[in-house]
Amino acid sequence: MRLWLIPMIYVGASVALGLALPRVEQTFLPSLTVGLSVASAQAFLSAAASGMMAITGVVFALAFVMVQFSAVAYSPRLVSWFARDPLLYHSLGAFSATFIYSLCTLAWIDRGGSGSVPLLSAILVGTLLVASMLLFAVLVQRLTNLQITDVLHLIGDRGRDVIRSMFRPLDAPPPVERKNRLEAGDQARLAPTTQVITYSGPPRTIAQLDTDALVRHGREGGALIEMVSAVGDTLVEGSVVLRVRGGKDLITERRLMRAVHLGRERTFEQDPKYPIRLLVDIAIKALSPAINDPTTAVQAIDQIEDLLRRLGRRELDIGLSRDADGAVRLVIPMPTWEDYLALAFDEIRQFGASSIQVMRRLRAALTGLMDSTPIPERAQAVRHYLEHLNLVVEHSELDAADKAAALQEDRQGLGLTARRTETS
């Protein structure tokens, strides 16, 4: 609903200016007029008002059709993301403001038989027209971003931003002293439960956590707050949201729930799994018999591999938060490296088992990921997925020649087979 305030502000401002500015001009600046005939000014303002409403209908009908088409072709979860683009609402506000102010100015043309056209109002209408045309051009350019390549890069960029903001590199110094980190967390979890906060209401998704507020509440109550539900989880009636352990004083449920931001759907904030989820959705939809577009799946794997390579070089164990004294005050469930691998590869492997192109690209992604991951345990987990991929190809319905082709590495899917260079 906040986005709808944008066009309402434009409309309110145009109405206020339409009622005030012409009166100010007539009262204090009667000599400032435009050297146009009354008929020409009326024709100009009438064309501006009627034209803006026509272009508003055409542009937004086209925009919503393209967004809906892209959602059907890519993923339904992208509909609201595109539809909530602030540019869309600023465009609607500018178009409406131009329409309304043109009508208001039209009412002051030849006011009282003066035969004059107010200068400032006419200039403002012209400025609004130019601004509307610029927004129209930017909006058309934005609609071209619905092409599959741009959509994949846009999702990948959001994922890279989330990874960069949430996880520190493995070679970076820790922000606080980490000795006995796990021991402190385990001891805190053994503390008795003093409060259990459950959710009541229609299904809602945890969109974001105010970790600073939760740590502060834990410190004030002398307790540890254990989040049972993670960011991205959907809460239903009776779901346990969090537990307070070892609390000396009760923390009001309202204060705790105020730090848990809920929404109707998942968001990118604090949820590095979500961009991977969207990319996988696009990949498996492209592999469906109705679409049968393995090349799009290969492009999605390009972005997935990049996100996993970045995650593989980051510290993923960030589930414990401390207060200023170093005491653990908040425990948040975080996905493990194996969770990311399962999300990224399981469904694509299942739906793409009959596609030589997808199998070759998956093999190249897993091999590159295994070589780029500096932690041996993570590399071993990737090796397990590579062995599983071999089994999938072996038990597939492909003939012997196709199986041999599917066992090759190819970053293009079907384009350039990776071969080892042997020297004699």
Protein backbone atom coordinates (compact mmCIF):
# COMPACT_ATOMS: atom_id res chain seq x y z
CA MET A 1 0.00 0.00 0.00
CA ARG A 2 2.95 2.36 0.52
CA LEU A 3 3.69 2.30 -3.20
CA TRP A 4 0.20 3.56 -3.97
CA LEU A 5 1.00 6.62 -1.88
CA ILE A 6 3.40 7.71 -4.63
CA PRO A 7 0.74 8.51 -7.28
CA MET A 8 -1.56 9.84 -4.56
CA ILE A 9 1.11 12.37 -3.54
CA TYR A 10 1.48 13.43 -7.16
CA VAL A 11 -2.30 13.84 -7.47
CA GLY A 12 -2.59 15.74 -4.18
CA ALA A 13 0.24 18.08 -5.11
CA SER A 14 -1.22 18.78 -8.55
CA VAL A 15 -4.65 19.53 -7.07
CA ALA A 16 -3.13 21.87 -4.48
CA LEU A 17 -1.07 23.68 -7.10
CA GLY A 18 -4.03 23.81 -9.47
CA LEU A 19 -6.12 25.56 -6.83
CA ALA A 20 -3.41 27.88 -5.50
CA LEU A 21 -0.97 28.88 -8.25
CA PRO A 22 -3.47 30.34 -10.77
CA ARG A 23 -5.04 32.42 -7.98
CA VAL A 24 -1.61 33.69 -6.93
CA GLU A 25 -0.86 34.61 -10.54
CA GLN A 26 -4.14 36.44 -10.99
CA THR A 27 -3.80 38.33 -7.72
CA PHE A 28 -0.12 39.20 -7.59
CA LEU A 29 1.24 38.64 -11.13
CA PRO A 30 -1.54 39.71 -13.51
CA SER A 31 0.94 41.02 -16.06
CA LEU A 32 2.70 37.66 -16.52
CA THR A 33 0.81 36.13 -19.43
CA VAL A 34 1.56 33.97 -22.45
CA GLY A 35 1.43 35.54 -25.89
CA LEU A 36 -1.03 32.93 -27.16
CA SER A 37 -4.61 33.33 -28.16
CA VAL A 38 -7.21 31.93 -25.82
CA ALA A 39 -8.29 29.37 -28.43
CA SER A 40 -4.70 28.14 -28.95
CA ALA A 41 -4.07 27.83 -25.21
CA GLN A 42 -7.33 25.95 -24.70
CA ALA A 43 -6.49 23.58 -27.55
CA PHE A 44 -3.02 22.96 -26.12
CA LEU A 45 -4.25 22.25 -22.59
CA SER A 46 -7.14 20.09 -23.80
CA ALA A 47 -4.77 18.02 -25.93
CA ALA A 48 -2.35 17.65 -23.00
CA ALA A 49 -5.09 16.49 -20.63
CA SER A 50 -6.78 14.05 -23.01
CA GLY A 51 -3.47 12.77 -24.38
CA MET A 52 -2.07 11.95 -20.93
CA MET A 53 -5.06 9.80 -20.05
CA ALA A 54 -4.80 7.95 -23.33
CA ILE A 55 -1.09 7.28 -22.96
CA THR A 56 -1.61 6.22 -19.34
CA GLY A 57 -4.09 3.56 -20.39
CA VAL A 58 -1.94 2.27 -23.25
CA VAL A 59 1.33 2.20 -21.31
CA PHE A 60 0.02 0.49 -18.23
CA ALA A 61 -2.04 -2.04 -20.17
CA LEU A 62 1.10 -2.94 -22.08
CA ALA A 63 3.19 -3.03 -18.91
CA PHE A 64 0.88 -5.39 -17.05
CA VAL A 65 0.49 -7.67 -20.06
CA MET A 66 4.27 -7.95 -20.41
CA VAL A 67 4.72 -8.53 -16.69
CA GLN A 68 2.07 -11.25 -16.71
CA PHE A 69 3.61 -12.87 -19.76
CA SER A 70 7.04 -12.84 -18.15
CA ALA A 71 5.63 -14.36 -14.97
CA VAL A 72 4.05 -17.22 -16.91
CA ALA A 73 7.25 -17.80 -18.87
CA TYR A 74 9.68 -17.44 -15.95
CA SER A 75 8.17 -17.66 -12.45
CA PRO A 76 4.94 -16.43 -10.80
CA ARG A 77 7.04 -15.06 -7.96
CA LEU A 78 8.42 -12.42 -10.30
CA VAL A 79 5.00 -10.80 -10.89
CA SER A 80 4.88 -8.74 -7.70
CA TRP A 81 8.58 -7.93 -7.96
CA PHE A 82 8.13 -6.26 -11.33
CA ALA A 83 4.71 -4.85 -10.48
CA ARG A 84 6.15 -3.13 -7.39
CA ASP A 85 8.78 -1.25 -9.36
CA PRO A 86 8.64 2.34 -7.98
CA LEU A 87 9.19 3.69 -11.50
CA LEU A 88 5.78 2.34 -12.47
CA TYR A 89 4.11 4.33 -9.70
CA HIS A 90 6.10 7.48 -10.34
CA SER A 91 5.06 7.28 -13.99
CA LEU A 92 1.42 6.87 -13.02
CA GLY A 93 1.72 9.84 -10.65
CA ALA A 94 3.38 12.09 -13.25
CA PHE A 95 0.82 11.21 -15.93
CA SER A 96 -2.07 11.86 -13.53
CA ALA A 97 -0.55 15.10 -12.26
CA THR A 98 -0.13 16.39 -15.82
CA PHE A 99 -3.76 15.52 -16.59
CA ILE A 100 -5.14 17.18 -13.45
CA TYR A 101 -3.04 20.32 -13.63
CA SER A 102 -3.87 20.79 -17.30
CA LEU A 103 -7.55 20.75 -16.40
CA CYS A 104 -7.02 23.20 -13.53
CA THR A 105 -5.09 25.58 -15.77
CA LEU A 106 -7.74 25.26 -18.46
CA ALA A 107 -10.30 26.60 -16.00
CA TRP A 108 -8.28 29.84 -15.63
CA ILE A 109 -7.87 30.57 -19.32
CA ASP A 110 -9.76 33.80 -20.16
CA ARG A 111 -10.91 33.96 -16.54
CA GLY A 112 -13.57 36.64 -16.15
CA GLY A 113 -13.22 37.56 -19.82
CA SER A 114 -9.66 38.81 -19.32
CA GLY A 115 -8.43 37.14 -22.52
CA SER A 116 -5.16 36.18 -20.77
CA VAL A 117 -3.29 32.90 -20.29
CA PRO A 118 -1.32 32.59 -16.97
CA LEU A 119 2.40 32.23 -17.72
CA LEU A 120 3.62 30.18 -14.75
CA SER A 121 0.81 27.64 -15.04
CA ALA A 122 1.45 27.22 -18.75
CA ILE A 123 5.18 26.69 -18.09
CA LEU A 124 4.37 24.14 -15.37
CA VAL A 125 2.10 22.20 -17.75
CA GLY A 126 4.90 22.13 -20.33
CA THR A 127 7.39 20.97 -17.69
CA LEU A 128 5.08 18.18 -16.58
CA LEU A 129 4.65 17.09 -20.20
CA VAL A 130 8.40 16.89 -20.71
CA ALA A 131 8.85 14.99 -17.43
CA SER A 132 6.08 12.59 -18.40
CA MET A 133 7.69 11.87 -21.75
CA LEU A 134 11.04 11.21 -20.07
CA LEU A 135 9.40 8.83 -17.61
CA PHE A 136 7.61 7.17 -20.51
CA ALA A 137 10.93 6.59 -22.29
CA VAL A 138 12.53 5.18 -19.12
CA LEU A 139 9.50 2.96 -18.52
CA VAL A 140 9.69 1.53 -22.04
CA GLN A 141 13.39 0.87 -21.48
CA ARG A 142 12.57 -0.83 -18.18
CA LEU A 143 10.10 -3.11 -19.93
CA THR A 144 12.91 -4.37 -22.14
CA ASN A 145 14.56 -5.66 -18.95
CA LEU A 146 11.92 -8.40 -18.94
CA GLN A 147 13.97 -10.27 -21.52
CA ILE A 148 15.25 -13.52 -20.07
CA THR A 149 18.92 -12.54 -20.06
CA ASP A 150 18.22 -9.29 -18.24
CA VAL A 151 15.91 -11.04 -15.75
CA LEU A 152 18.55 -13.63 -14.91
CA HIS A 153 21.24 -10.99 -14.46
CA LEU A 154 18.90 -8.87 -12.33
CA ILE A 155 18.17 -11.79 -10.00
CA GLY A 156 21.85 -12.70 -9.89
CA ASP A 157 22.80 -9.11 -9.00
CA ARG A 158 20.31 -9.08 -6.13
CA GLY A 159 21.74 -12.36 -4.90
CA ARG A 160 25.29 -11.03 -5.07
CA ASP A 161 24.26 -7.97 -3.08
CA VAL A 162 22.70 -10.13 -0.37
CA ILE A 163 25.77 -12.38 -0.15
CA ARG A 164 28.09 -9.38 0.01
CA SER A 165 26.08 -7.74 2.79
CA MET A 166 25.46 -10.83 4.92
CA PHE A 167 28.61 -12.94 4.77
CA ARG A 168 32.20 -11.89 5.29
CA PRO A 169 35.02 -13.45 3.22
CA LEU A 170 36.83 -16.39 4.76
CA ASP A 171 40.14 -14.51 4.78
CA ALA A 172 38.68 -11.41 6.46
CA PRO A 173 39.31 -10.92 10.20
CA PRO A 174 36.30 -11.68 12.40
CA PRO A 175 34.43 -8.61 13.73
CA VAL A 176 34.59 -9.96 17.33
CA GLU A 177 36.52 -12.52 19.27
CA ARG A 178 35.20 -15.94 18.26
CA LYS A 179 36.83 -18.29 20.74
CA ASN A 180 34.40 -20.69 22.38
CA ARG A 181 31.77 -19.40 19.95
CA LEU A 182 30.07 -22.73 19.48
CA GLU A 183 30.47 -23.65 23.14
CA ALA A 184 28.74 -20.43 24.17
CA GLY A 185 25.91 -21.12 21.78
CA ASP A 186 25.48 -24.70 22.95
CA GLN A 187 25.49 -23.67 26.61
CA ALA A 188 22.91 -20.99 25.92
CA ARG A 189 20.67 -23.48 24.19
CA LEU A 190 20.77 -25.67 27.31
CA ALA A 191 19.22 -22.89 29.38
CA PRO A 192 15.59 -23.49 30.35
CA THR A 193 12.87 -22.05 28.15
CA THR A 194 11.13 -19.16 29.85
CA GLN A 195 8.93 -17.97 26.98
CA VAL A 196 7.56 -19.44 23.77
CA ILE A 197 6.21 -17.00 21.19
CA THR A 198 3.74 -18.44 18.69
CA TYR A 199 2.13 -16.85 15.68
CA SER A 200 -1.58 -16.16 15.36
CA GLY A 201 -3.14 -14.93 12.15
CA PRO A 202 -3.31 -15.70 8.43
CA PRO A 203 -0.24 -17.25 6.77
CA ARG A 204 2.63 -14.79 6.58
CA THR A 205 6.27 -15.13 5.59
CA ILE A 206 9.21 -13.91 7.64
CA ALA A 207 10.69 -11.27 5.36
CA GLN A 208 13.35 -9.81 7.63
CA LEU A 209 14.64 -9.84 11.21
CA ASP A 210 15.70 -6.80 13.17
CA THR A 211 18.70 -8.53 14.73
CA ASP A 212 19.85 -5.45 16.63
CA ALA A 213 16.48 -5.15 18.34
CA LEU A 214 16.38 -8.86 19.20
CA VAL A 215 19.90 -8.73 20.67
CA ARG A 216 18.91 -5.67 22.67
CA HIS A 217 15.79 -7.41 24.00
CA GLY A 218 17.85 -10.44 24.95
CA ARG A 219 20.39 -8.31 26.77
CA GLU A 220 17.74 -6.36 28.67
CA GLY A 221 16.03 -9.58 29.74
CA GLY A 222 19.27 -11.40 30.51
CA ALA A 223 18.24 -14.13 28.06
CA LEU A 224 19.05 -15.79 24.79
CA ILE A 225 16.48 -15.55 22.01
CA GLU A 226 16.37 -18.64 19.83
CA MET A 227 14.62 -18.16 16.51
CA VAL A 228 12.76 -21.35 15.66
CA SER A 229 11.48 -20.05 12.32
CA ALA A 230 14.00 -18.71 9.81
CA VAL A 231 13.82 -15.88 7.30
CA GLY A 232 11.78 -17.18 4.37
CA ASP A 233 9.64 -19.53 6.48
CA THR A 234 5.87 -19.20 6.22
CA LEU A 235 4.11 -18.92 9.57
CA VAL A 236 0.67 -20.44 10.05
CA GLU A 237 -1.66 -20.45 13.02
CA GLY A 238 0.19 -21.80 16.06
CA SER A 239 3.68 -21.81 14.50
CA VAL A 240 6.46 -21.33 17.02
CA VAL A 241 8.34 -18.18 16.05
CA LEU A 242 10.99 -18.05 18.78
CA ARG A 243 11.91 -19.23 22.25
CA VAL A 244 13.40 -17.17 25.06
CA ARG A 245 15.88 -19.17 27.14
CA GLY A 246 17.22 -18.32 30.58
CA GLY A 247 15.35 -15.04 30.82
CA LYS A 248 15.36 -13.23 34.14
CA ASP A 249 12.54 -10.88 33.14
CA LEU A 250 9.68 -11.53 30.77
CA ILE A 251 9.92 -9.76 27.43
CA THR A 252 6.60 -8.59 26.07
CA GLU A 253 5.46 -10.54 23.03
CA ARG A 254 4.65 -7.36 21.16
CA ARG A 255 8.23 -6.10 21.42
CA LEU A 256 9.63 -9.40 20.20
CA MET A 257 7.22 -9.73 17.28
CA ARG A 258 7.87 -6.12 16.26
CA ALA A 259 11.42 -7.20 15.43
CA VAL A 260 10.12 -9.99 13.16
CA HIS A 261 8.99 -8.36 9.93
CA LEU A 262 6.28 -10.35 8.16
CA GLY A 263 5.05 -10.15 4.60
CA ARG A 264 2.88 -11.99 2.14
CA GLU A 265 5.90 -13.42 0.33
CA ARG A 266 9.64 -13.84 0.57
CA THR A 267 12.03 -10.98 -0.11
CA PHE A 268 15.72 -10.75 -0.96
CA GLU A 269 16.68 -9.07 2.31
CA GLN A 270 18.52 -11.48 4.64
CA ASP A 271 17.52 -14.43 2.44
CA PRO A 272 20.36 -15.58 0.16
CA LYS A 273 18.33 -18.68 -0.70
CA TYR A 274 15.62 -16.67 -2.44
CA PRO A 275 17.58 -15.58 -5.56
CA ILE A 276 18.75 -19.17 -5.99
CA ARG A 277 15.14 -20.31 -5.60
CA LEU A 278 14.00 -17.94 -8.35
CA LEU A 279 16.80 -19.02 -10.69
CA VAL A 280 15.97 -22.68 -10.12
CA ASP A 281 12.28 -21.97 -10.76
CA ILE A 282 13.15 -20.38 -14.11
CA ALA A 283 15.44 -23.29 -15.00
CA ILE A 284 12.98 -26.07 -14.24
CA LYS A 285 10.11 -24.21 -15.92
CA ALA A 286 12.28 -23.92 -19.03
CA LEU A 287 12.84 -27.69 -18.83
CA SER A 288 9.12 -28.47 -18.69
CA PRO A 289 7.64 -30.23 -21.74
CA ALA A 290 5.37 -27.24 -22.39
CA ILE A 291 8.36 -24.90 -22.87
CA ASN A 292 11.30 -27.22 -23.64
CA ASP A 293 14.00 -24.55 -23.53
CA PRO A 294 17.18 -26.08 -22.05
CA THR A 295 19.29 -23.12 -23.15
CA THR A 296 17.44 -20.91 -20.65
CA ALA A 297 18.19 -23.49 -17.98
CA VAL A 298 21.87 -23.31 -18.92
CA GLN A 299 21.79 -19.51 -18.58
CA ALA A 300 20.18 -19.88 -15.15
CA ILE A 301 22.93 -22.30 -14.10
CA ASP A 302 25.49 -19.64 -15.06
CA GLN A 303 24.05 -17.34 -12.40
CA ILE A 304 23.58 -20.14 -9.86
CA GLU A 305 27.20 -21.23 -10.20
CA ASP A 306 28.41 -17.68 -9.67
CA LEU A 307 26.33 -17.29 -6.50
CA LEU A 308 27.55 -20.62 -5.13
CA ARG A 309 31.18 -19.77 -5.86
CA ARG A 310 30.77 -16.59 -3.85
CA LEU A 311 29.06 -18.46 -1.01
CA GLY A 312 31.82 -21.07 -1.05
CA ARG A 313 34.40 -18.38 -0.22
CA ARG A 314 32.33 -16.83 2.57
CA GLU A 315 31.77 -17.54 6.25
CA LEU A 316 28.29 -19.11 6.34
CA ASP A 317 28.09 -19.80 10.06
CA ILE A 318 26.60 -16.47 11.15
CA GLY A 319 23.70 -17.76 13.21
CA LEU A 320 24.93 -16.46 16.56
CA SER A 321 24.75 -12.78 17.52
CA ARG A 322 26.40 -11.30 20.59
CA ASP A 323 25.86 -8.18 22.63
CA ALA A 324 28.53 -5.60 23.42
CA ASP A 325 29.89 -7.77 26.25
CA GLY A 326 30.34 -10.79 23.99
CA ALA A 327 27.43 -12.80 25.41
CA VAL A 328 25.38 -14.78 22.90
CA ARG A 329 21.91 -13.22 22.78
CA LEU A 330 20.41 -14.43 19.50
CA VAL A 331 20.48 -17.72 17.61
CA ILE A 332 19.13 -17.73 14.05
CA PRO A 333 18.83 -20.89 11.94
CA MET A 334 20.98 -20.49 8.85
CA PRO A 335 21.28 -22.78 5.81
CA THR A 336 24.39 -24.92 5.56
CA TRP A 337 26.58 -25.37 2.50
CA GLU A 338 24.77 -28.64 1.80
CA ASP A 339 21.41 -26.82 1.95
CA TYR A 340 22.57 -24.40 -0.75
CA LEU A 341 23.78 -27.26 -2.94
CA ALA A 342 20.49 -29.12 -2.57
CA LEU A 343 18.47 -26.02 -3.43
CA ALA A 344 20.64 -25.21 -6.42
CA PHE A 345 21.06 -28.61 -8.07
CA ASP A 346 18.54 -31.24 -6.94
CA GLU A 347 15.52 -30.09 -8.94
CA ILE A 348 17.50 -29.10 -12.02
CA ARG A 349 19.17 -32.49 -12.03
CA GLN A 350 15.81 -34.26 -11.72
CA PHE A 351 14.00 -32.26 -14.39
CA GLY A 352 16.99 -32.04 -16.71
CA ALA A 353 18.06 -35.69 -16.56
CA SER A 354 17.04 -36.24 -20.19
CA SER A 355 18.81 -33.12 -21.50
CA ILE A 356 22.42 -33.65 -22.58
CA GLN A 357 22.93 -29.88 -22.60
CA VAL A 358 21.85 -29.46 -18.99
CA MET A 359 23.84 -32.45 -17.75
CA ARG A 360 27.01 -31.13 -19.39
CA ARG A 361 26.50 -27.66 -17.94
CA LEU A 362 25.77 -29.06 -14.49
CA ARG A 363 28.97 -31.11 -14.62
CA ALA A 364 30.99 -28.04 -15.59
CA ALA A 365 29.39 -26.05 -12.76
CA LEU A 366 30.08 -28.73 -10.15
CA THR A 367 33.66 -29.25 -11.32
CA GLY A 368 34.37 -25.53 -11.27
CA LEU A 369 32.71 -25.17 -7.88
CA MET A 370 34.75 -28.04 -6.44
CA ASP A 371 37.99 -26.48 -7.67
CA SER A 372 37.15 -22.97 -6.43
CA THR A 373 35.98 -23.86 -2.92
CA PRO A 374 38.85 -23.44 -0.42
CA ILE A 375 37.28 -25.56 2.36
CA PRO A 376 37.88 -29.33 1.87
CA GLU A 377 34.58 -30.30 3.50
CA ARG A 378 32.65 -28.14 1.07
CA ALA A 379 34.62 -29.50 -1.88
CA GLN A 380 33.80 -33.02 -0.71
CA ALA A 381 30.09 -32.16 -0.61
CA VAL A 382 30.32 -30.92 -4.19
CA ARG A 383 32.14 -34.13 -5.18
CA HIS A 384 29.20 -36.09 -3.77
CA TYR A 385 26.86 -34.17 -6.08
CA LEU A 386 29.15 -34.85 -9.00
CA GLU A 387 29.05 -38.58 -8.26
CA HIS A 388 25.27 -38.39 -7.96
CA LEU A 389 25.15 -36.72 -11.37
CA ASN A 390 27.14 -39.63 -12.80
CA LEU A 391 24.55 -42.05 -11.43
CA VAL A 392 21.70 -40.02 -12.94
CA VAL A 393 23.31 -40.14 -16.38
CA GLU A 394 24.12 -43.83 -15.99
CA HIS A 395 20.52 -44.75 -15.15
CA SER A 396 18.94 -42.39 -17.69
CA GLU A 397 17.18 -43.52 -20.86
CA LEU A 398 19.94 -42.10 -23.05
CA ASP A 399 21.80 -44.49 -25.31
CA ALA A 400 25.52 -45.19 -24.88
CA ALA A 401 26.68 -42.42 -27.21
CA ASP A 402 24.43 -39.83 -25.56
CA LYS A 403 25.55 -40.95 -22.10
CA ALA A 404 29.17 -40.47 -23.12
CA ALA A 405 28.32 -36.98 -24.37
CA ALA A 406 26.38 -36.16 -21.20
CA LEU A 407 29.43 -37.08 -19.08
CA GLN A 408 31.50 -34.31 -20.72
CA GLU A 409 32.00 -30.85 -19.23
CA ASP A 410 30.71 -27.95 -21.29
CA ARG A 411 30.09 -24.47 -19.92
CA GLN A 412 27.91 -23.73 -22.95
CA GLY A 413 25.92 -26.92 -22.56
CA LEU A 414 26.44 -27.92 -26.16
CA GLY A 415 29.19 -25.79 -27.56
CA LEU A 416 32.73 -26.39 -26.39
CA THR A 417 33.64 -29.64 -24.69
CA ALA A 418 36.30 -29.26 -22.00
CA ARG A 419 39.19 -31.61 -22.79
CA ARG A 420 42.37 -32.27 -20.91
CA THR A 421 45.51 -31.30 -22.77
CA GLU A 422 48.03 -34.13 -22.78
CA THR A 423 51.70 -33.62 -23.60
CA SER A 424 53.96 -36.37 -24.82
